[in-house]
Structure formats: structure tokens, C-alpha cells
Amino acid sequence: MLRAMIYASVGLGVTGVVVAWAQPPGGPSIPPSTPSKPADVRAVERALEQGAARAPEHDLLTPLVGEWNVEARALVDPAGKGDPIVSRGTMKNLWVLGNRYVRSEADVGGRAELKAESMAMYGFDTRTRLFTMDRYDTLGTYAWHATGSYDAASKSIVFDGVTLVGGVNVPFRFVLNLANPDDILLQRLTPDDKGQWIVAAEFESTRNRIPIDTAPPRVAPR
């Protein structure tokens, strides 16, 4: 509501200027609309900041922050038959937008590996009291959007969402395990024919003690 009031005030001021400028010389005098009284910018900022204050749950995302070596494993056959497709690379995560979100950017795939770039945003919605995740990558033109809750027993965040596959909405689940702050596991699960969750892909991240920007070039195994 506060945002709408701010935009309306700005809109009224702009309208008055446009009407005054558009009056033809010597034509009828069209009184411009009276702009509203300028708002107290600092008061507006304080009100917005109060509504956008971080919650204690945001701190649960802190283990994600840092530079990582990543191994991505895609299971061609989720039933467990056959070897997974493995790609290795790096990932860099940092707090953004006033420490309200963690932005994650990864680049995987050496020679003879599946190449992919990805970006994700993790946050906590204080309105719904749910964690949020939005993931994008070069393997598609859509986002994985999911929300979830923190499980204190396993120190994991379980995200659930729905994606479109062949014109049909299919549920998916991401489990972000934060139990080990130096070795984080993200699993993507999909339902099998019986509706049971099975792992379709895994992203294991090991904290990089050498900053990525100064690390020696990565050489893919032959």
C-alpha cells in the first residue's frame, strides 16, 4: 500500500508538468493539476526498511556464502542404473540486496564434460515465513521456482515447486543440506511412477580455501 501511495504521488506531480507544457500558446488556460506535498524521503525510507527488515532465518543461509569447487552429477536413469553424467567447476556465492538474498553463480564442465552455467537466488519471505529459491541455467529457458522450510534435525532446507514437462505440471523438490558448512549438498528430486521421490541430480560443493580468482587454471581429467 505504501509503495502504491508513493507511485501515485509521483504520478500526480508528473501529470501537472505535462499538462502545463502541452498548453498551446494563446489557447485556453488549462489549470495544471496541483502536485501533492513532497513526502519526507527519510520517513518513507524508514517505513520501507521496517517492512523489509531481515529475519533471523536469513542467517541460516550464511553457510552458502563463499567460493566453492563443484561436482554436478546428473542421473540419466534415476532408478540407479548406469553411471551419472559428471561435470566439475566452480561456484561463487555472496550476499546481495542488503544481505536479504544469497546470489549463487556456477560454471561447470571441462573437456569431455557437460558444460553449463547457472545462477540462483536464495532468500526468506517474511510474509509467508518460507525460504525461496529461483534457479536459472543455460540448459533451459525457464526458472526453477520453489519455496520451503528449514528442517532443524537434518540442517536442511526442503524446497518444493512445480515445473512444466511436455505440457504437464510436474512437481519437483530440492533439498539443500547445510549440515557441513564446508561441504554442501544440493539434491534435485523427482517423483517416480509410484509417486516416490528419487534423486535426479546432485550438486556437491566443497569450500575453496584458495580464492577462485587466483586459483591455478582447472585442468579436466583425461
Protein backbone atom coordinates (compact mmCIF):
# COMPACT_ATOMS: atom_id res chain seq x y z
CA MET A 1 0.00 0.00 0.00
CA LEU A 2 2.81 2.40 0.89
CA ARG A 3 4.52 1.72 -2.42
CA ALA A 4 1.27 2.45 -4.29
CA MET A 5 0.85 5.76 -2.45
CA ILE A 6 4.41 6.78 -3.33
CA TYR A 7 3.93 5.95 -7.01
CA ALA A 8 0.60 7.84 -7.06
CA SER A 9 2.21 10.94 -5.58
CA VAL A 10 4.99 10.88 -8.15
CA GLY A 11 2.47 10.29 -10.93
CA LEU A 12 0.37 13.33 -9.95
CA GLY A 13 3.42 15.57 -9.98
CA VAL A 14 4.47 14.41 -13.43
CA THR A 15 0.93 14.87 -14.77
CA GLY A 16 0.86 18.51 -13.71
CA VAL A 17 4.10 19.25 -15.53
CA VAL A 18 2.95 17.52 -18.72
CA VAL A 19 -0.40 19.36 -18.82
CA ALA A 20 1.28 22.75 -18.32
CA TRP A 21 3.81 22.03 -21.09
CA ALA A 22 1.09 20.88 -23.51
CA GLN A 23 -1.00 24.12 -23.37
CA PRO A 24 -0.98 25.82 -26.81
CA PRO A 25 0.18 29.49 -26.92
CA GLY A 26 -2.79 31.87 -26.74
CA GLY A 27 -5.18 28.97 -26.23
CA PRO A 28 -7.49 28.32 -23.33
CA SER A 29 -5.85 28.25 -19.98
CA ILE A 30 -5.89 24.69 -18.63
CA PRO A 31 -5.02 24.72 -14.95
CA PRO A 32 -2.39 22.08 -14.19
CA SER A 33 -3.15 19.56 -11.51
CA THR A 34 -1.73 20.51 -8.15
CA PRO A 35 1.18 18.25 -7.22
CA SER A 36 0.88 16.66 -3.83
CA LYS A 37 3.10 17.78 -0.98
CA PRO A 38 6.55 16.16 -1.30
CA ALA A 39 6.90 13.21 1.03
CA ASP A 40 9.50 13.08 3.76
CA VAL A 41 12.02 10.87 1.97
CA ARG A 42 13.72 9.76 5.15
CA ALA A 43 10.36 8.81 6.70
CA VAL A 44 9.48 6.81 3.59
CA GLU A 45 12.84 5.05 3.73
CA ARG A 46 12.37 4.16 7.38
CA ALA A 47 8.90 2.76 6.74
CA LEU A 48 10.09 0.67 3.79
CA GLU A 49 13.12 -0.60 5.69
CA GLN A 50 10.94 -1.66 8.59
CA GLY A 51 8.78 -3.75 6.24
CA ALA A 52 11.86 -5.22 4.54
CA ALA A 53 13.86 -5.99 7.68
CA ARG A 54 15.87 -9.21 7.70
CA ALA A 55 14.64 -12.09 9.82
CA PRO A 56 16.74 -14.49 11.92
CA GLU A 57 16.04 -17.14 9.27
CA HIS A 58 18.19 -15.22 6.80
CA ASP A 59 21.24 -16.15 8.85
CA LEU A 60 20.59 -19.83 8.09
CA LEU A 61 21.72 -19.08 4.52
CA THR A 62 25.13 -17.81 5.67
CA PRO A 63 26.92 -21.18 5.13
CA LEU A 64 26.26 -20.78 1.39
CA VAL A 65 28.44 -17.68 1.13
CA GLY A 66 31.94 -18.18 -0.24
CA GLU A 67 33.85 -19.73 -3.13
CA TRP A 68 33.44 -23.38 -3.96
CA ASN A 69 34.61 -26.29 -6.08
CA VAL A 70 31.56 -28.05 -7.51
CA GLU A 71 30.83 -31.52 -8.79
CA ALA A 72 27.49 -31.86 -10.57
CA ARG A 73 26.08 -35.34 -11.08
CA ALA A 74 23.10 -35.87 -13.36
CA LEU A 75 21.49 -39.30 -13.20
CA VAL A 76 20.46 -40.41 -16.67
CA ASP A 77 18.49 -43.25 -15.10
CA PRO A 78 17.07 -42.12 -11.73
CA ALA A 79 16.44 -45.77 -10.92
CA GLY A 80 20.17 -46.04 -10.29
CA LYS A 81 21.18 -47.98 -13.39
CA GLY A 82 24.20 -46.68 -15.26
CA ASP A 83 26.81 -44.09 -14.38
CA PRO A 84 25.84 -40.45 -13.81
CA ILE A 85 26.99 -37.61 -16.07
CA VAL A 86 29.62 -35.72 -14.05
CA SER A 87 30.73 -32.12 -14.56
CA ARG A 88 33.16 -30.18 -12.39
CA GLY A 89 33.66 -26.47 -11.95
CA THR A 90 33.46 -23.56 -9.56
CA MET A 91 30.78 -21.54 -7.78
CA LYS A 92 30.77 -18.15 -6.09
CA ASN A 93 28.05 -17.12 -3.62
CA LEU A 94 27.59 -13.75 -1.95
CA TRP A 95 25.05 -11.69 -0.07
CA VAL A 96 23.23 -9.11 -2.22
CA LEU A 97 20.43 -6.53 -1.86
CA GLY A 98 21.18 -5.57 1.71
CA ASN A 99 22.02 -9.11 2.80
CA ARG A 100 18.47 -10.23 2.04
CA TYR A 101 19.40 -12.75 -0.66
CA VAL A 102 22.32 -15.01 -1.49
CA ARG A 103 23.22 -14.94 -5.18
CA SER A 104 24.91 -18.09 -6.43
CA GLU A 105 26.75 -18.31 -9.78
CA ALA A 106 28.32 -21.53 -11.03
CA ASP A 107 30.22 -22.60 -14.13
CA VAL A 108 30.83 -26.31 -14.68
CA GLY A 109 32.10 -28.55 -17.46
CA GLY A 110 35.65 -29.20 -18.66
CA ARG A 111 36.76 -31.11 -21.71
CA ALA A 112 34.52 -34.10 -22.41
CA GLU A 113 32.09 -32.88 -19.73
CA LEU A 114 28.60 -31.39 -19.96
CA LYS A 115 29.01 -27.62 -19.84
CA ALA A 116 26.52 -25.41 -18.02
CA GLU A 117 26.30 -22.07 -16.29
CA SER A 118 23.77 -21.41 -13.57
CA MET A 119 22.57 -18.65 -11.30
CA ALA A 120 20.36 -18.95 -8.23
CA MET A 121 18.86 -16.60 -5.67
CA TYR A 122 18.11 -17.83 -2.16
CA GLY A 123 16.05 -15.81 0.31
CA PHE A 124 13.46 -15.87 3.05
CA ASP A 125 9.99 -14.36 2.58
CA THR A 126 8.92 -12.78 5.87
CA ARG A 127 5.31 -12.64 4.67
CA THR A 128 4.88 -16.36 4.10
CA ARG A 129 7.65 -17.44 6.51
CA LEU A 130 9.08 -19.63 3.76
CA PHE A 131 12.52 -19.85 2.18
CA THR A 132 12.62 -19.07 -1.55
CA MET A 133 14.80 -20.34 -4.36
CA ASP A 134 14.93 -19.29 -8.00
CA ARG A 135 17.38 -21.11 -10.28
CA TYR A 136 18.33 -20.37 -13.89
CA ASP A 137 20.79 -22.16 -16.16
CA THR A 138 21.98 -22.43 -19.75
CA LEU A 139 20.25 -25.79 -20.17
CA GLY A 140 16.79 -24.22 -20.38
CA THR A 141 14.82 -21.01 -20.92
CA TYR A 142 12.81 -21.21 -17.70
CA ALA A 143 13.38 -20.87 -13.97
CA TRP A 144 13.02 -23.37 -11.18
CA HIS A 145 10.98 -21.52 -8.54
CA ALA A 146 10.37 -23.20 -5.22
CA THR A 147 9.62 -22.42 -1.59
CA GLY A 148 10.30 -24.42 1.52
CA SER A 149 11.05 -24.74 5.20
CA TYR A 150 14.10 -25.46 7.31
CA ASP A 151 14.43 -28.86 8.97
CA ALA A 152 16.48 -28.41 12.11
CA ALA A 153 17.10 -32.13 12.60
CA SER A 154 18.94 -32.54 9.28
CA LYS A 155 20.00 -28.86 8.96
CA SER A 156 18.43 -28.83 5.51
CA ILE A 157 16.05 -26.61 3.60
CA VAL A 158 13.46 -28.55 1.60
CA PHE A 159 12.14 -26.61 -1.40
CA ASP A 160 9.07 -27.73 -3.34
CA GLY A 161 7.83 -26.46 -6.69
CA VAL A 162 6.15 -27.36 -9.97
CA THR A 163 7.61 -27.25 -13.47
CA LEU A 164 6.16 -27.82 -16.94
CA VAL A 165 7.27 -31.03 -18.67
CA GLY A 166 5.68 -31.92 -22.01
CA GLY A 167 2.77 -29.59 -21.27
CA VAL A 168 2.09 -31.22 -17.91
CA ASN A 169 2.79 -29.73 -14.47
CA VAL A 170 5.23 -31.98 -12.65
CA PRO A 171 6.28 -31.48 -9.01
CA PHE A 172 9.94 -31.30 -8.08
CA ARG A 173 11.92 -30.96 -4.88
CA PHE A 174 15.32 -29.51 -3.99
CA VAL A 175 16.99 -30.46 -0.71
CA LEU A 176 19.78 -28.13 0.40
CA ASN A 177 21.86 -29.80 3.11
CA LEU A 178 23.79 -27.28 5.22
CA ALA A 179 24.95 -29.64 7.97
CA ASN A 180 28.61 -29.31 6.95
CA PRO A 181 29.50 -25.66 6.25
CA ASP A 182 32.49 -26.73 4.14
CA ASP A 183 30.73 -29.41 2.11
CA ILE A 184 27.22 -28.50 0.95
CA LEU A 185 24.98 -30.90 -0.95
CA LEU A 186 22.05 -29.82 -3.12
CA GLN A 187 19.85 -32.60 -4.49
CA ARG A 188 17.08 -32.33 -7.06
CA LEU A 189 14.36 -34.96 -6.69
CA THR A 190 11.56 -36.01 -8.99
CA PRO A 191 8.65 -38.40 -8.40
CA ASP A 192 8.79 -41.88 -9.90
CA ASP A 193 5.83 -43.78 -11.35
CA LYS A 194 4.64 -44.60 -7.83
CA GLY A 195 4.91 -41.01 -6.60
CA GLN A 196 8.02 -41.69 -4.52
CA TRP A 197 10.81 -39.09 -4.51
CA ILE A 198 14.01 -40.19 -6.24
CA VAL A 199 17.25 -38.26 -6.80
CA ALA A 200 17.62 -36.93 -10.36
CA ALA A 201 20.71 -34.75 -9.87
CA GLU A 202 23.22 -33.79 -7.19
CA PHE A 203 25.43 -30.73 -6.77
CA GLU A 204 28.19 -31.22 -4.21
CA SER A 205 30.13 -28.09 -3.27
CA THR A 206 33.41 -28.12 -1.34
CA ARG A 207 34.65 -24.82 0.06
CA ASN A 208 37.61 -23.46 -1.86
CA ARG A 209 40.35 -22.30 0.50
CA ILE A 210 42.12 -20.59 -2.42
CA PRO A 211 40.15 -17.64 -3.88
CA ILE A 212 38.76 -18.63 -7.27
CA ASP A 213 40.17 -15.54 -8.99
CA THR A 214 43.75 -16.52 -8.04
CA ALA A 215 43.47 -20.30 -8.24
CA PRO A 216 45.51 -22.04 -10.96
CA PRO A 217 43.61 -22.98 -14.13
CA ARG A 218 41.46 -26.07 -13.72
CA VAL A 219 42.51 -28.97 -15.94
CA ALA A 220 39.85 -31.53 -16.73
CA PRO A 221 40.85 -35.16 -16.17
CA ARG A 222 41.70 -37.12 -19.30
